[in-house]
Amino acid sequence: MTQALPPQGVSHAAPELEETLAAVESRLASLGEALRVRDIEAIDHHSTELHRALARAVDHFTHAARKGAVPLLLRRRLASAGGQVAAQRESLARATAALDRAIEVLMPRETPALYSSLGGRDRALRGGAIQA
């Protein structure tokens, strides 16, 4: 039985790093697809799995970096994955802001009247006139 050679630029000393990074990349792709199709349950599941994969990757890469054994290709891939996470986070933040604006237009909040013990209702009953 023959063993598969690691990708070019990846040393034999880094199979754990390769595995954890591949898991992160896989989770990123899955989350990206779930976001694309707007599958709420899948988004929740894949974001949780991505969080776990990232935690494992950070742990493995930190440990390997202390030993000075992180190949350049893997560092670049990890940086790329970090950029993808940041892009997805930004995309979600923009979508959330757009949704919040749409909800505000469709269902504006009632603002209570200032200086009234009954709030907006009291102000509406009096028509906003000053009473002495």
C-alpha atoms as a PDB file:
ATOM      1  CA  MET A   1       0.000   0.000   0.000  1.00  0.00           C
ATOM      2  CA  THR A   2       1.373   3.424  -0.936  1.00  0.00           C
ATOM      3  CA  GLN A   3       0.903   6.586   1.031  1.00  0.00           C
ATOM      4  CA  ALA A   4      -0.318   9.728  -0.669  1.00  0.00           C
ATOM      5  CA  LEU A   5       2.299  12.428  -0.846  1.00  0.00           C
ATOM      6  CA  PRO A   6       1.485  15.689   0.912  1.00  0.00           C
ATOM      7  CA  PRO A   7       0.674  18.647  -1.342  1.00  0.00           C
ATOM      8  CA  GLN A   8       3.656  20.540  -2.689  1.00  0.00           C
ATOM      9  CA  GLY A   9       5.138  22.825  -0.033  1.00  0.00           C
ATOM     10  CA  VAL A  10       3.734  20.773   2.874  1.00  0.00           C
ATOM     11  CA  SER A  11       6.230  18.775   4.872  1.00  0.00           C
ATOM     12  CA  HIS A  12       5.657  15.278   6.245  1.00  0.00           C
ATOM     13  CA  ALA A  13       5.877  16.858   9.712  1.00  0.00           C
ATOM     14  CA  ALA A  14       2.620  18.747   9.181  1.00  0.00           C
ATOM     15  CA  PRO A  15      -0.118  16.160   8.499  1.00  0.00           C
ATOM     16  CA  GLU A  16      -2.080  17.288  11.579  1.00  0.00           C
ATOM     17  CA  LEU A  17      -1.947  20.870  10.380  1.00  0.00           C
ATOM     18  CA  GLU A  18      -3.082  19.832   6.918  1.00  0.00           C
ATOM     19  CA  GLU A  19      -6.006  17.848   8.349  1.00  0.00           C
ATOM     20  CA  THR A  20      -7.188  20.603  10.660  1.00  0.00           C
ATOM     21  CA  LEU A  21      -6.846  23.225   7.942  1.00  0.00           C
ATOM     22  CA  ALA A  22      -8.716  21.036   5.452  1.00  0.00           C
ATOM     23  CA  ALA A  23     -11.498  20.680   8.043  1.00  0.00           C
ATOM     24  CA  VAL A  24     -11.697  24.478   8.398  1.00  0.00           C
ATOM     25  CA  GLU A  25     -11.810  24.931   4.626  1.00  0.00           C
ATOM     26  CA  SER A  26     -14.506  22.266   4.318  1.00  0.00           C
ATOM     27  CA  ARG A  27     -16.614  23.888   7.054  1.00  0.00           C
ATOM     28  CA  LEU A  28     -16.180  27.293   5.413  1.00  0.00           C
ATOM     29  CA  ALA A  29     -17.430  25.907   2.103  1.00  0.00           C
ATOM     30  CA  SER A  30     -20.396  24.244   3.805  1.00  0.00           C
ATOM     31  CA  LEU A  31     -21.304  27.421   5.671  1.00  0.00           C
ATOM     32  CA  GLY A  32     -20.946  29.470   2.495  1.00  0.00           C
ATOM     33  CA  GLU A  33     -23.354  27.154   0.684  1.00  0.00           C
ATOM     34  CA  ALA A  34     -25.830  27.260   3.592  1.00  0.00           C
ATOM     35  CA  LEU A  35     -25.672  31.055   3.536  1.00  0.00           C
ATOM     36  CA  ARG A  36     -26.182  31.085  -0.225  1.00  0.00           C
ATOM     37  CA  VAL A  37     -29.358  28.988  -0.022  1.00  0.00           C
ATOM     38  CA  ARG A  38     -30.470  30.693   3.218  1.00  0.00           C
ATOM     39  CA  ASP A  39     -30.930  27.442   5.131  1.00  0.00           C
ATOM     40  CA  ILE A  40     -31.182  28.625   8.739  1.00  0.00           C
ATOM     41  CA  GLU A  41     -30.705  25.208  10.346  1.00  0.00           C
ATOM     42  CA  ALA A  42     -27.684  24.438   8.149  1.00  0.00           C
ATOM     43  CA  ILE A  43     -26.205  27.879   8.865  1.00  0.00           C
ATOM     44  CA  ASP A  44     -26.496  27.245  12.582  1.00  0.00           C
ATOM     45  CA  HIS A  45     -24.994  23.755  12.301  1.00  0.00           C
ATOM     46  CA  HIS A  46     -22.135  24.702   9.979  1.00  0.00           C
ATOM     47  CA  SER A  47     -21.240  27.848  11.918  1.00  0.00           C
ATOM     48  CA  THR A  48     -20.942  25.773  15.093  1.00  0.00           C
ATOM     49  CA  GLU A  49     -18.806  23.193  13.291  1.00  0.00           C
ATOM     50  CA  LEU A  50     -16.663  25.955  11.773  1.00  0.00           C
ATOM     51  CA  HIS A  51     -16.124  27.436  15.226  1.00  0.00           C
ATOM     52  CA  ARG A  52     -14.944  24.062  16.527  1.00  0.00           C
ATOM     53  CA  ALA A  53     -12.706  23.475  13.509  1.00  0.00           C
ATOM     54  CA  LEU A  54     -11.175  26.930  13.881  1.00  0.00           C
ATOM     55  CA  ALA A  55     -10.484  26.351  17.570  1.00  0.00           C
ATOM     56  CA  ARG A  56      -8.712  23.065  16.754  1.00  0.00           C
ATOM     57  CA  ALA A  57      -6.756  24.681  13.931  1.00  0.00           C
ATOM     58  CA  VAL A  58      -5.627  27.587  16.096  1.00  0.00           C
ATOM     59  CA  ASP A  59      -4.532  25.152  18.798  1.00  0.00           C
ATOM     60  CA  HIS A  60      -2.564  22.973  16.350  1.00  0.00           C
ATOM     61  CA  PHE A  61      -1.019  25.919  14.510  1.00  0.00           C
ATOM     62  CA  THR A  62      -0.028  27.629  17.763  1.00  0.00           C
ATOM     63  CA  HIS A  63       1.621  24.451  18.998  1.00  0.00           C
ATOM     64  CA  ALA A  64       3.430  23.932  15.683  1.00  0.00           C
ATOM     65  CA  ALA A  65       4.520  27.587  15.502  1.00  0.00           C
ATOM     66  CA  ARG A  66       6.206  27.255  18.885  1.00  0.00           C
ATOM     67  CA  LYS A  67       8.294  24.503  17.349  1.00  0.00           C
ATOM     68  CA  GLY A  68       8.841  26.526  14.167  1.00  0.00           C
ATOM     69  CA  ALA A  69       7.230  23.842  11.994  1.00  0.00           C
ATOM     70  CA  VAL A  70       4.504  25.664  10.055  1.00  0.00           C
ATOM     71  CA  PRO A  71       5.095  25.430   6.306  1.00  0.00           C
ATOM     72  CA  LEU A  72       4.580  28.620   4.313  1.00  0.00           C
ATOM     73  CA  LEU A  73       1.819  27.100   2.158  1.00  0.00           C
ATOM     74  CA  LEU A  74      -0.203  26.158   5.236  1.00  0.00           C
ATOM     75  CA  ARG A  75       0.290  29.616   6.760  1.00  0.00           C
ATOM     76  CA  ARG A  76      -1.008  31.163   3.546  1.00  0.00           C
ATOM     77  CA  ARG A  77      -4.012  28.835   3.477  1.00  0.00           C
ATOM     78  CA  LEU A  78      -4.771  29.619   7.130  1.00  0.00           C
ATOM     79  CA  ALA A  79      -4.576  33.345   6.384  1.00  0.00           C
ATOM     80  CA  SER A  80      -6.890  32.842   3.410  1.00  0.00           C
ATOM     81  CA  ALA A  81      -9.365  30.936   5.591  1.00  0.00           C
ATOM     82  CA  GLY A  82      -9.220  33.773   8.121  1.00  0.00           C
ATOM     83  CA  GLY A  83     -10.026  36.222   5.343  1.00  0.00           C
ATOM     84  CA  GLN A  84     -12.993  34.109   4.266  1.00  0.00           C
ATOM     85  CA  VAL A  85     -14.297  34.021   7.837  1.00  0.00           C
ATOM     86  CA  ALA A  86     -13.987  37.810   8.033  1.00  0.00           C
ATOM     87  CA  ALA A  87     -15.780  38.205   4.683  1.00  0.00           C
ATOM     88  CA  GLN A  88     -18.632  35.943   5.804  1.00  0.00           C
ATOM     89  CA  ARG A  89     -18.886  37.831   9.100  1.00  0.00           C
ATOM     90  CA  GLU A  90     -19.055  41.145   7.215  1.00  0.00           C
ATOM     91  CA  SER A  91     -21.666  39.749   4.839  1.00  0.00           C
ATOM     92  CA  LEU A  92     -23.808  38.587   7.759  1.00  0.00           C
ATOM     93  CA  ALA A  93     -23.435  41.945   9.494  1.00  0.00           C
ATOM     94  CA  ARG A  94     -24.609  43.758   6.357  1.00  0.00           C
ATOM     95  CA  ALA A  95     -27.529  41.376   5.899  1.00  0.00           C
ATOM     96  CA  THR A  96     -28.513  41.831   9.542  1.00  0.00           C
ATOM     97  CA  ALA A  97     -28.385  45.628   9.213  1.00  0.00           C
ATOM     98  CA  ALA A  98     -30.509  45.504   6.049  1.00  0.00           C
ATOM     99  CA  LEU A  99     -33.028  43.246   7.775  1.00  0.00           C
ATOM    100  CA  ASP A 100     -33.159  45.559  10.788  1.00  0.00           C
ATOM    101  CA  ARG A 101     -33.840  48.545   8.501  1.00  0.00           C
ATOM    102  CA  ALA A 102     -36.588  46.642   6.658  1.00  0.00           C
ATOM    103  CA  ILE A 103     -38.231  45.627   9.927  1.00  0.00           C
ATOM    104  CA  GLU A 104     -38.052  49.220  11.169  1.00  0.00           C
ATOM    105  CA  VAL A 105     -39.841  50.437   8.014  1.00  0.00           C
ATOM    106  CA  LEU A 106     -42.494  47.720   8.168  1.00  0.00           C
ATOM    107  CA  MET A 107     -43.046  47.869  11.918  1.00  0.00           C
ATOM    108  CA  PRO A 108     -41.877  51.198  13.308  1.00  0.00           C
ATOM    109  CA  ARG A 109     -41.400  51.342  17.033  1.00  0.00           C
ATOM    110  CA  GLU A 110     -43.837  53.388  18.999  1.00  0.00           C
ATOM    111  CA  THR A 111     -41.985  56.164  20.656  1.00  0.00           C
ATOM    112  CA  PRO A 112     -43.434  57.100  23.991  1.00  0.00           C
ATOM    113  CA  ALA A 113     -44.317  60.743  24.521  1.00  0.00           C
ATOM    114  CA  LEU A 114     -41.797  62.628  26.540  1.00  0.00           C
ATOM    115  CA  TYR A 115     -42.810  63.885  29.981  1.00  0.00           C
ATOM    116  CA  SER A 116     -45.922  61.714  30.130  1.00  0.00           C
ATOM    117  CA  SER A 117     -46.671  59.077  32.719  1.00  0.00           C
ATOM    118  CA  LEU A 118     -48.862  57.240  30.208  1.00  0.00           C
ATOM    119  CA  GLY A 119     -46.388  57.281  27.300  1.00  0.00           C
ATOM    120  CA  GLY A 120     -47.495  57.767  23.682  1.00  0.00           C
ATOM    121  CA  ARG A 121     -51.124  56.952  24.426  1.00  0.00           C
ATOM    122  CA  ASP A 122     -51.628  60.034  26.601  1.00  0.00           C
ATOM    123  CA  ARG A 123     -50.086  62.278  23.993  1.00  0.00           C
ATOM    124  CA  ALA A 124     -52.316  60.855  21.246  1.00  0.00           C
ATOM    125  CA  LEU A 125     -55.469  61.412  23.304  1.00  0.00           C
ATOM    126  CA  ARG A 126     -54.701  65.086  23.815  1.00  0.00           C
ATOM    127  CA  GLY A 127     -53.587  65.674  20.243  1.00  0.00           C
ATOM    128  CA  GLY A 128     -50.269  67.083  21.358  1.00  0.00           C
ATOM    129  CA  ALA A 129     -51.833  70.294  22.755  1.00  0.00           C
ATOM    130  CA  ILE A 130     -50.500  71.946  25.851  1.00  0.00           C
ATOM    131  CA  GLN A 131     -52.862  71.921  28.843  1.00  0.00           C
ATOM    132  CA  ALA A 132     -52.484  74.257  31.744  1.00  0.00           C
END
